[in-house]
Amino acid sequence: MFWVIRSAVVLLAIAGLAKVWSAIGRSKVLTVVDPVTGLQFGHLMLAVGLLELAIAGVCLFGKAQKLSLALIAWLATNFVVYRLGLWWMGWHKPCSCLGNLTDALHLSPTAADNLMKVILAYLLLGSYGALLSNWRSGQPTKGCKSVCSE
């Protein structure tokens, strides 16, 4: 479980910082309205970036592993639902999940989108897998005895 949480901290911090950095830019795409939420991409990227940073902070500094895993699973599930919404609406453009960071890394939008799909699958399967493993073992998660007992 520890490795899932620590790796998620790194991934969420990088993605969150990239979104916040991009959201405060002046790109015209930031004024485009997101087809799923109805928010401008700039506002959506800022909100999601701050949320990713907040969850990374809870995972890094919090003692409740079960809470950390649940937050990671919740966020990853929301990303899957969002992507399914885009697919259902016929939106076939690559996700700009990393904002301007893709330019700095010299990644094409398609390569960045594929990378984010792999990271999303990792976060989703890793968090749910760790939660399932914990549940099947029947033992409380370290640091969660009083806060997360069932």
N, C-alpha and C. Protein backbone atom coordinates (compact mmCIF):
# COMPACT_ATOMS: atom_id res chain seq x y z
N MET A 1 0.81 -1.19 0.00
CA MET A 1 0.00 0.00 0.00
C MET A 1 0.85 1.26 0.00
N PHE A 2 1.93 1.19 0.73
CA PHE A 2 2.81 2.36 0.86
C PHE A 2 3.29 2.84 -0.50
N TRP A 3 3.70 1.93 -1.37
CA TRP A 3 4.24 2.32 -2.68
C TRP A 3 3.16 2.95 -3.56
N VAL A 4 1.92 2.50 -3.45
CA VAL A 4 0.83 3.09 -4.23
C VAL A 4 0.62 4.54 -3.81
N ILE A 5 0.61 4.77 -2.51
CA ILE A 5 0.37 6.12 -2.00
C ILE A 5 1.52 7.05 -2.36
N ARG A 6 2.76 6.59 -2.13
CA ARG A 6 3.92 7.46 -2.42
C ARG A 6 4.05 7.77 -3.90
N SER A 7 3.82 6.78 -4.75
CA SER A 7 3.91 7.05 -6.19
C SER A 7 2.76 7.96 -6.63
N ALA A 8 1.59 7.81 -6.03
CA ALA A 8 0.46 8.68 -6.36
C ALA A 8 0.76 10.12 -5.96
N VAL A 9 1.45 10.30 -4.83
CA VAL A 9 1.83 11.66 -4.40
C VAL A 9 2.65 12.33 -5.50
N VAL A 10 3.64 11.63 -6.00
CA VAL A 10 4.50 12.19 -7.05
C VAL A 10 3.70 12.50 -8.30
N LEU A 11 2.89 11.54 -8.75
CA LEU A 11 2.12 11.71 -9.98
C LEU A 11 1.09 12.84 -9.85
N LEU A 12 0.38 12.87 -8.72
CA LEU A 12 -0.62 13.91 -8.52
C LEU A 12 0.01 15.29 -8.35
N ALA A 13 1.15 15.35 -7.69
CA ALA A 13 1.83 16.64 -7.52
C ALA A 13 2.31 17.19 -8.86
N ILE A 14 2.88 16.33 -9.68
CA ILE A 14 3.35 16.79 -11.01
C ILE A 14 2.17 17.24 -11.86
N ALA A 15 1.13 16.41 -11.93
CA ALA A 15 -0.04 16.75 -12.74
C ALA A 15 -0.73 18.01 -12.19
N GLY A 16 -0.85 18.10 -10.87
CA GLY A 16 -1.50 19.26 -10.27
C GLY A 16 -0.73 20.55 -10.53
N LEU A 17 0.58 20.50 -10.35
CA LEU A 17 1.40 21.69 -10.63
C LEU A 17 1.32 22.08 -12.11
N ALA A 18 1.34 21.09 -12.99
CA ALA A 18 1.24 21.37 -14.43
C ALA A 18 -0.09 22.03 -14.77
N LYS A 19 -1.17 21.56 -14.17
CA LYS A 19 -2.48 22.15 -14.43
C LYS A 19 -2.57 23.58 -13.89
N VAL A 20 -2.12 23.78 -12.66
CA VAL A 20 -2.17 25.12 -12.08
C VAL A 20 -1.32 26.08 -12.89
N TRP A 21 -0.12 25.65 -13.24
CA TRP A 21 0.78 26.50 -14.04
C TRP A 21 0.14 26.86 -15.37
N SER A 22 -0.47 25.88 -16.03
CA SER A 22 -1.11 26.12 -17.32
C SER A 22 -2.34 27.01 -17.17
N ALA A 23 -3.09 26.82 -16.09
CA ALA A 23 -4.34 27.56 -15.89
C ALA A 23 -4.11 29.06 -15.69
N ILE A 24 -2.94 29.43 -15.20
CA ILE A 24 -2.68 30.85 -14.98
C ILE A 24 -2.04 31.50 -16.21
N GLY A 25 -1.93 30.71 -17.29
CA GLY A 25 -1.37 31.23 -18.53
C GLY A 25 -2.38 32.05 -19.32
N ARG A 26 -2.02 32.37 -20.55
CA ARG A 26 -2.86 33.22 -21.39
C ARG A 26 -3.28 32.52 -22.68
N SER A 27 -3.20 31.21 -22.72
CA SER A 27 -3.57 30.47 -23.92
C SER A 27 -5.07 30.63 -24.22
N LYS A 28 -5.41 30.71 -25.50
CA LYS A 28 -6.80 30.87 -25.89
C LYS A 28 -7.65 29.65 -25.52
N VAL A 29 -7.02 28.47 -25.44
CA VAL A 29 -7.76 27.26 -25.12
C VAL A 29 -8.35 27.33 -23.71
N LEU A 30 -7.78 28.15 -22.85
CA LEU A 30 -8.28 28.27 -21.48
C LEU A 30 -9.67 28.91 -21.41
N THR A 31 -10.05 29.63 -22.47
CA THR A 31 -11.37 30.26 -22.50
C THR A 31 -12.43 29.36 -23.14
N VAL A 32 -12.01 28.26 -23.74
CA VAL A 32 -12.95 27.32 -24.35
C VAL A 32 -13.74 26.62 -23.24
N VAL A 33 -15.01 26.40 -23.49
CA VAL A 33 -15.87 25.76 -22.49
C VAL A 33 -15.74 24.24 -22.61
N ASP A 34 -15.51 23.61 -21.47
CA ASP A 34 -15.42 22.15 -21.40
C ASP A 34 -16.79 21.56 -21.70
N PRO A 35 -16.87 20.57 -22.60
CA PRO A 35 -18.17 20.03 -22.98
C PRO A 35 -18.86 19.20 -21.88
N VAL A 36 -18.13 18.70 -20.91
CA VAL A 36 -18.74 17.88 -19.86
C VAL A 36 -19.23 18.74 -18.70
N THR A 37 -18.39 19.64 -18.22
CA THR A 37 -18.73 20.41 -17.02
C THR A 37 -19.38 21.76 -17.32
N GLY A 38 -19.14 22.29 -18.51
CA GLY A 38 -19.65 23.61 -18.85
C GLY A 38 -18.79 24.74 -18.33
N LEU A 39 -17.66 24.41 -17.71
CA LEU A 39 -16.72 25.41 -17.21
C LEU A 39 -15.67 25.70 -18.26
N GLN A 40 -15.10 26.90 -18.19
CA GLN A 40 -13.97 27.20 -19.07
C GLN A 40 -12.81 26.28 -18.68
N PHE A 41 -12.05 25.84 -19.67
CA PHE A 41 -10.93 24.93 -19.39
C PHE A 41 -9.96 25.52 -18.37
N GLY A 42 -9.73 26.81 -18.43
CA GLY A 42 -8.82 27.44 -17.47
C GLY A 42 -9.29 27.28 -16.03
N HIS A 43 -10.58 27.51 -15.80
CA HIS A 43 -11.13 27.36 -14.46
C HIS A 43 -11.13 25.89 -14.03
N LEU A 44 -11.48 25.03 -14.96
CA LEU A 44 -11.50 23.59 -14.66
C LEU A 44 -10.10 23.09 -14.33
N MET A 45 -9.10 23.49 -15.12
CA MET A 45 -7.73 23.05 -14.87
C MET A 45 -7.22 23.56 -13.53
N LEU A 46 -7.56 24.79 -13.19
CA LEU A 46 -7.13 25.33 -11.90
C LEU A 46 -7.77 24.55 -10.75
N ALA A 47 -9.07 24.32 -10.85
CA ALA A 47 -9.77 23.60 -9.77
C ALA A 47 -9.25 22.18 -9.62
N VAL A 48 -9.09 21.47 -10.74
CA VAL A 48 -8.62 20.09 -10.67
C VAL A 48 -7.16 20.04 -10.23
N GLY A 49 -6.35 20.97 -10.70
CA GLY A 49 -4.95 21.02 -10.27
C GLY A 49 -4.82 21.23 -8.77
N LEU A 50 -5.62 22.15 -8.23
CA LEU A 50 -5.59 22.39 -6.79
C LEU A 50 -6.10 21.17 -6.02
N LEU A 51 -7.10 20.50 -6.56
CA LEU A 51 -7.62 19.29 -5.92
C LEU A 51 -6.55 18.19 -5.91
N GLU A 52 -5.85 18.03 -7.02
CA GLU A 52 -4.78 17.03 -7.08
C GLU A 52 -3.68 17.35 -6.07
N LEU A 53 -3.33 18.62 -5.96
CA LEU A 53 -2.31 19.01 -4.98
C LEU A 53 -2.79 18.78 -3.55
N ALA A 54 -4.06 19.06 -3.30
CA ALA A 54 -4.61 18.85 -1.96
C ALA A 54 -4.60 17.36 -1.60
N ILE A 55 -4.99 16.52 -2.53
CA ILE A 55 -4.99 15.08 -2.26
C ILE A 55 -3.56 14.57 -2.10
N ALA A 56 -2.64 15.08 -2.91
CA ALA A 56 -1.23 14.70 -2.75
C ALA A 56 -0.74 15.10 -1.36
N GLY A 57 -1.15 16.27 -0.89
CA GLY A 57 -0.76 16.72 0.45
C GLY A 57 -1.31 15.83 1.54
N VAL A 58 -2.58 15.45 1.44
CA VAL A 58 -3.18 14.55 2.42
C VAL A 58 -2.44 13.22 2.43
N CYS A 59 -2.14 12.71 1.24
CA CYS A 59 -1.44 11.43 1.13
C CYS A 59 -0.02 11.51 1.67
N LEU A 60 0.64 12.64 1.48
CA LEU A 60 2.02 12.80 1.91
C LEU A 60 2.12 13.02 3.42
N PHE A 61 1.26 13.86 3.96
CA PHE A 61 1.38 14.25 5.36
C PHE A 61 0.41 13.54 6.29
N GLY A 62 -0.62 12.92 5.73
CA GLY A 62 -1.60 12.23 6.56
C GLY A 62 -1.08 10.89 7.04
N LYS A 63 -1.65 10.41 8.10
CA LYS A 63 -1.24 9.13 8.68
C LYS A 63 -2.21 8.01 8.31
N ALA A 64 -3.38 8.35 7.80
CA ALA A 64 -4.41 7.36 7.50
C ALA A 64 -4.26 6.84 6.07
N GLN A 65 -3.65 5.67 5.93
CA GLN A 65 -3.42 5.09 4.61
C GLN A 65 -4.73 4.78 3.89
N LYS A 66 -5.71 4.31 4.63
CA LYS A 66 -6.99 3.97 4.02
C LYS A 66 -7.66 5.21 3.44
N LEU A 67 -7.60 6.32 4.16
CA LEU A 67 -8.14 7.57 3.64
C LEU A 67 -7.40 8.00 2.38
N SER A 68 -6.08 7.89 2.40
CA SER A 68 -5.28 8.26 1.23
C SER A 68 -5.67 7.42 0.03
N LEU A 69 -5.77 6.11 0.23
CA LEU A 69 -6.15 5.22 -0.87
C LEU A 69 -7.55 5.52 -1.37
N ALA A 70 -8.46 5.82 -0.45
CA ALA A 70 -9.83 6.14 -0.85
C ALA A 70 -9.88 7.44 -1.66
N LEU A 71 -9.10 8.43 -1.27
CA LEU A 71 -9.05 9.68 -2.03
C LEU A 71 -8.47 9.47 -3.42
N ILE A 72 -7.42 8.68 -3.51
CA ILE A 72 -6.82 8.38 -4.81
C ILE A 72 -7.82 7.64 -5.69
N ALA A 73 -8.50 6.64 -5.12
CA ALA A 73 -9.50 5.87 -5.87
C ALA A 73 -10.65 6.77 -6.31
N TRP A 74 -11.10 7.65 -5.42
CA TRP A 74 -12.19 8.57 -5.75
C TRP A 74 -11.80 9.49 -6.90
N LEU A 75 -10.61 10.07 -6.83
CA LEU A 75 -10.16 10.98 -7.88
C LEU A 75 -9.99 10.24 -9.21
N ALA A 76 -9.37 9.08 -9.18
CA ALA A 76 -9.18 8.30 -10.41
C ALA A 76 -10.53 7.90 -11.01
N THR A 77 -11.47 7.53 -10.17
CA THR A 77 -12.81 7.18 -10.66
C THR A 77 -13.47 8.38 -11.33
N ASN A 78 -13.31 9.56 -10.74
CA ASN A 78 -13.87 10.76 -11.35
C ASN A 78 -13.22 11.06 -12.70
N PHE A 79 -11.92 10.82 -12.81
CA PHE A 79 -11.24 11.02 -14.10
C PHE A 79 -11.77 10.04 -15.15
N VAL A 80 -12.02 8.80 -14.75
CA VAL A 80 -12.58 7.81 -15.69
C VAL A 80 -13.97 8.24 -16.13
N VAL A 81 -14.80 8.67 -15.19
CA VAL A 81 -16.16 9.11 -15.53
C VAL A 81 -16.09 10.32 -16.46
N TYR A 82 -15.18 11.24 -16.20
CA TYR A 82 -15.00 12.41 -17.07
C TYR A 82 -14.61 11.98 -18.48
N ARG A 83 -13.64 11.08 -18.57
CA ARG A 83 -13.20 10.62 -19.89
C ARG A 83 -14.31 9.85 -20.61
N LEU A 84 -15.09 9.08 -19.88
CA LEU A 84 -16.24 8.39 -20.48
C LEU A 84 -17.26 9.41 -20.98
N GLY A 85 -17.45 10.49 -20.23
CA GLY A 85 -18.35 11.55 -20.67
C GLY A 85 -17.88 12.19 -21.96
N LEU A 86 -16.59 12.45 -22.05
CA LEU A 86 -16.04 13.00 -23.30
C LEU A 86 -16.25 12.04 -24.46
N TRP A 87 -15.96 10.77 -24.22
CA TRP A 87 -16.11 9.75 -25.27
C TRP A 87 -17.57 9.66 -25.71
N TRP A 88 -18.49 9.64 -24.74
CA TRP A 88 -19.91 9.52 -25.02
C TRP A 88 -20.41 10.71 -25.85
N MET A 89 -19.83 11.88 -25.61
CA MET A 89 -20.23 13.09 -26.34
C MET A 89 -19.56 13.19 -27.71
N GLY A 90 -18.67 12.25 -28.01
CA GLY A 90 -18.00 12.28 -29.30
C GLY A 90 -16.78 13.19 -29.34
N TRP A 91 -16.25 13.55 -28.18
CA TRP A 91 -15.06 14.41 -28.10
C TRP A 91 -13.84 13.52 -28.30
N HIS A 92 -13.16 13.68 -29.41
CA HIS A 92 -12.03 12.79 -29.71
C HIS A 92 -10.69 13.50 -29.70
N LYS A 93 -10.64 14.69 -29.14
CA LYS A 93 -9.38 15.41 -29.04
C LYS A 93 -8.59 14.86 -27.86
N PRO A 94 -7.26 14.86 -27.94
CA PRO A 94 -6.46 14.41 -26.79
C PRO A 94 -6.70 15.30 -25.57
N CYS A 95 -6.70 14.69 -24.42
CA CYS A 95 -6.87 15.43 -23.17
C CYS A 95 -5.61 16.27 -22.92
N SER A 96 -5.82 17.51 -22.53
CA SER A 96 -4.67 18.37 -22.23
C SER A 96 -4.41 18.35 -20.72
N CYS A 97 -4.34 17.15 -20.17
CA CYS A 97 -4.24 16.94 -18.73
C CYS A 97 -2.98 17.53 -18.12
N LEU A 98 -1.94 17.64 -18.88
CA LEU A 98 -0.68 18.17 -18.35
C LEU A 98 -0.43 19.61 -18.76
N GLY A 99 -1.38 20.20 -19.46
CA GLY A 99 -1.25 21.60 -19.84
C GLY A 99 0.00 21.87 -20.65
N ASN A 100 0.70 22.95 -20.31
CA ASN A 100 1.90 23.37 -21.04
C ASN A 100 3.12 22.49 -20.77
N LEU A 101 3.05 21.60 -19.80
CA LEU A 101 4.18 20.72 -19.49
C LEU A 101 4.53 19.84 -20.69
N THR A 102 3.53 19.50 -21.50
CA THR A 102 3.80 18.65 -22.67
C THR A 102 4.73 19.35 -23.65
N ASP A 103 4.58 20.66 -23.78
CA ASP A 103 5.48 21.42 -24.66
C ASP A 103 6.91 21.39 -24.12
N ALA A 104 7.05 21.58 -22.83
CA ALA A 104 8.38 21.58 -22.21
C ALA A 104 9.05 20.21 -22.33
N LEU A 105 8.24 19.15 -22.29
CA LEU A 105 8.78 17.78 -22.40
C LEU A 105 8.87 17.29 -23.85
N HIS A 106 8.43 18.13 -24.78
CA HIS A 106 8.42 17.79 -26.20
C HIS A 106 7.58 16.54 -26.47
N LEU A 107 6.43 16.48 -25.82
CA LEU A 107 5.49 15.37 -26.03
C LEU A 107 4.36 15.86 -26.93
N SER A 108 3.98 15.04 -27.88
CA SER A 108 2.82 15.38 -28.71
C SER A 108 1.57 15.25 -27.85
N PRO A 109 0.50 15.95 -28.21
CA PRO A 109 -0.75 15.81 -27.44
C PRO A 109 -1.24 14.36 -27.36
N THR A 110 -1.07 13.61 -28.42
CA THR A 110 -1.49 12.20 -28.41
C THR A 110 -0.63 11.38 -27.46
N ALA A 111 0.68 11.60 -27.48
CA ALA A 111 1.57 10.86 -26.57
C ALA A 111 1.26 11.21 -25.11
N ALA A 112 1.02 12.49 -24.85
CA ALA A 112 0.70 12.92 -23.49
C ALA A 112 -0.63 12.31 -23.04
N ASP A 113 -1.60 12.26 -23.94
CA ASP A 113 -2.90 11.67 -23.62
C ASP A 113 -2.75 10.19 -23.30
N ASN A 114 -1.97 9.49 -24.10
CA ASN A 114 -1.73 8.06 -23.84
C ASN A 114 -1.00 7.84 -22.52
N LEU A 115 -0.02 8.69 -22.23
CA LEU A 115 0.70 8.61 -20.96
C LEU A 115 -0.26 8.81 -19.79
N MET A 116 -1.15 9.78 -19.91
CA MET A 116 -2.10 10.05 -18.83
C MET A 116 -3.10 8.90 -18.67
N LYS A 117 -3.44 8.22 -19.75
CA LYS A 117 -4.31 7.04 -19.65
C LYS A 117 -3.62 5.93 -18.87
N VAL A 118 -2.33 5.74 -19.11
CA VAL A 118 -1.57 4.73 -18.38
C VAL A 118 -1.50 5.10 -16.89
N ILE A 119 -1.22 6.37 -16.61
CA ILE A 119 -1.14 6.83 -15.22
C ILE A 119 -2.50 6.69 -14.54
N LEU A 120 -3.56 7.02 -15.26
CA LEU A 120 -4.90 6.87 -14.71
C LEU A 120 -5.20 5.41 -14.38
N ALA A 121 -4.85 4.51 -15.29
CA ALA A 121 -5.07 3.08 -15.03
C ALA A 121 -4.26 2.63 -13.81
N TYR A 122 -3.03 3.11 -13.70
CA TYR A 122 -2.18 2.76 -12.56
C TYR A 122 -2.81 3.24 -11.25
N LEU A 123 -3.25 4.50 -11.22
CA LEU A 123 -3.86 5.05 -10.01
C LEU A 123 -5.15 4.31 -9.65
N LEU A 124 -5.94 4.03 -10.66
CA LEU A 124 -7.22 3.35 -10.44
C LEU A 124 -7.01 1.93 -9.93
N LEU A 125 -6.21 1.15 -10.65
CA LEU A 125 -5.99 -0.24 -10.26
C LEU A 125 -5.17 -0.35 -8.98
N GLY A 126 -4.18 0.52 -8.82
CA GLY A 126 -3.35 0.48 -7.62
C GLY A 126 -4.13 0.81 -6.36
N SER A 127 -4.94 1.86 -6.42
CA SER A 127 -5.69 2.26 -5.23
C SER A 127 -6.79 1.26 -4.89
N TYR A 128 -7.55 0.85 -5.90
CA TYR A 128 -8.60 -0.13 -5.63
C TYR A 128 -8.01 -1.49 -5.23
N GLY A 129 -6.90 -1.86 -5.85
CA GLY A 129 -6.24 -3.11 -5.48
C GLY A 129 -5.77 -3.10 -4.04
N ALA A 130 -5.16 -1.99 -3.62
CA ALA A 130 -4.69 -1.88 -2.23
C ALA A 130 -5.86 -1.86 -1.25
N LEU A 131 -6.93 -1.16 -1.61
CA LEU A 131 -8.11 -1.15 -0.74
C LEU A 131 -8.73 -2.54 -0.63
N LEU A 132 -8.80 -3.25 -1.75
CA LEU A 132 -9.35 -4.60 -1.75
C LEU A 132 -8.47 -5.55 -0.94
N SER A 133 -7.18 -5.43 -1.10
CA SER A 133 -6.24 -6.26 -0.34
C SER A 133 -6.41 -6.03 1.16
N ASN A 134 -6.53 -4.76 1.53
CA ASN A 134 -6.73 -4.41 2.93
C ASN A 134 -8.04 -4.98 3.45
N TRP A 135 -9.10 -4.83 2.68
CA TRP A 135 -10.42 -5.32 3.07
C TRP A 135 -10.41 -6.85 3.23
N ARG A 136 -9.77 -7.54 2.28
CA ARG A 136 -9.73 -9.00 2.33
C ARG A 136 -8.89 -9.52 3.49
N SER A 137 -7.88 -8.76 3.88
CA SER A 137 -7.04 -9.20 4.99
C SER A 137 -7.76 -9.02 6.32
N GLY A 138 -8.74 -8.14 6.35
CA GLY A 138 -9.52 -7.91 7.56
C GLY A 138 -8.78 -7.17 8.65
N GLN A 139 -7.61 -6.65 8.32
CA GLN A 139 -6.82 -5.93 9.32
C GLN A 139 -6.93 -4.44 9.08
N PRO A 140 -6.99 -3.67 10.16
CA PRO A 140 -7.02 -2.21 9.97
C PRO A 140 -5.72 -1.72 9.34
N THR A 141 -5.85 -0.69 8.54
CA THR A 141 -4.68 -0.10 7.90
C THR A 141 -3.89 0.72 8.90
N LYS A 142 -2.58 0.68 8.78
CA LYS A 142 -1.68 1.43 9.67
C LYS A 142 -2.13 2.90 9.72
N GLY A 143 -2.27 3.40 10.94
CA GLY A 143 -2.64 4.80 11.11
C GLY A 143 -4.12 5.05 11.02
N CYS A 144 -4.91 4.01 10.81
CA CYS A 144 -6.33 4.18 10.58
C CYS A 144 -7.19 3.56 11.66
N LYS A 145 -6.60 3.07 12.74
CA LYS A 145 -7.35 2.31 13.72
C LYS A 145 -8.52 3.09 14.30
N SER A 146 -8.33 4.34 14.63
CA SER A 146 -9.44 5.08 15.24
C SER A 146 -10.27 5.84 14.21
N VAL A 147 -9.65 6.31 13.14
CA VAL A 147 -10.34 7.14 12.17
C VAL A 147 -11.11 6.31 11.15
N CYS A 148 -10.54 5.20 10.72
CA CYS A 148 -11.10 4.46 9.61
C CYS A 148 -11.63 3.10 9.98
N SER A 149 -11.86 2.82 11.24
CA SER A 149 -12.33 1.48 11.61
C SER A 149 -13.72 1.26 11.06
N GLU A 150 -13.97 0.01 10.72
CA GLU A 150 -15.25 -0.32 10.08
C GLU A 150 -16.24 -0.84 11.08
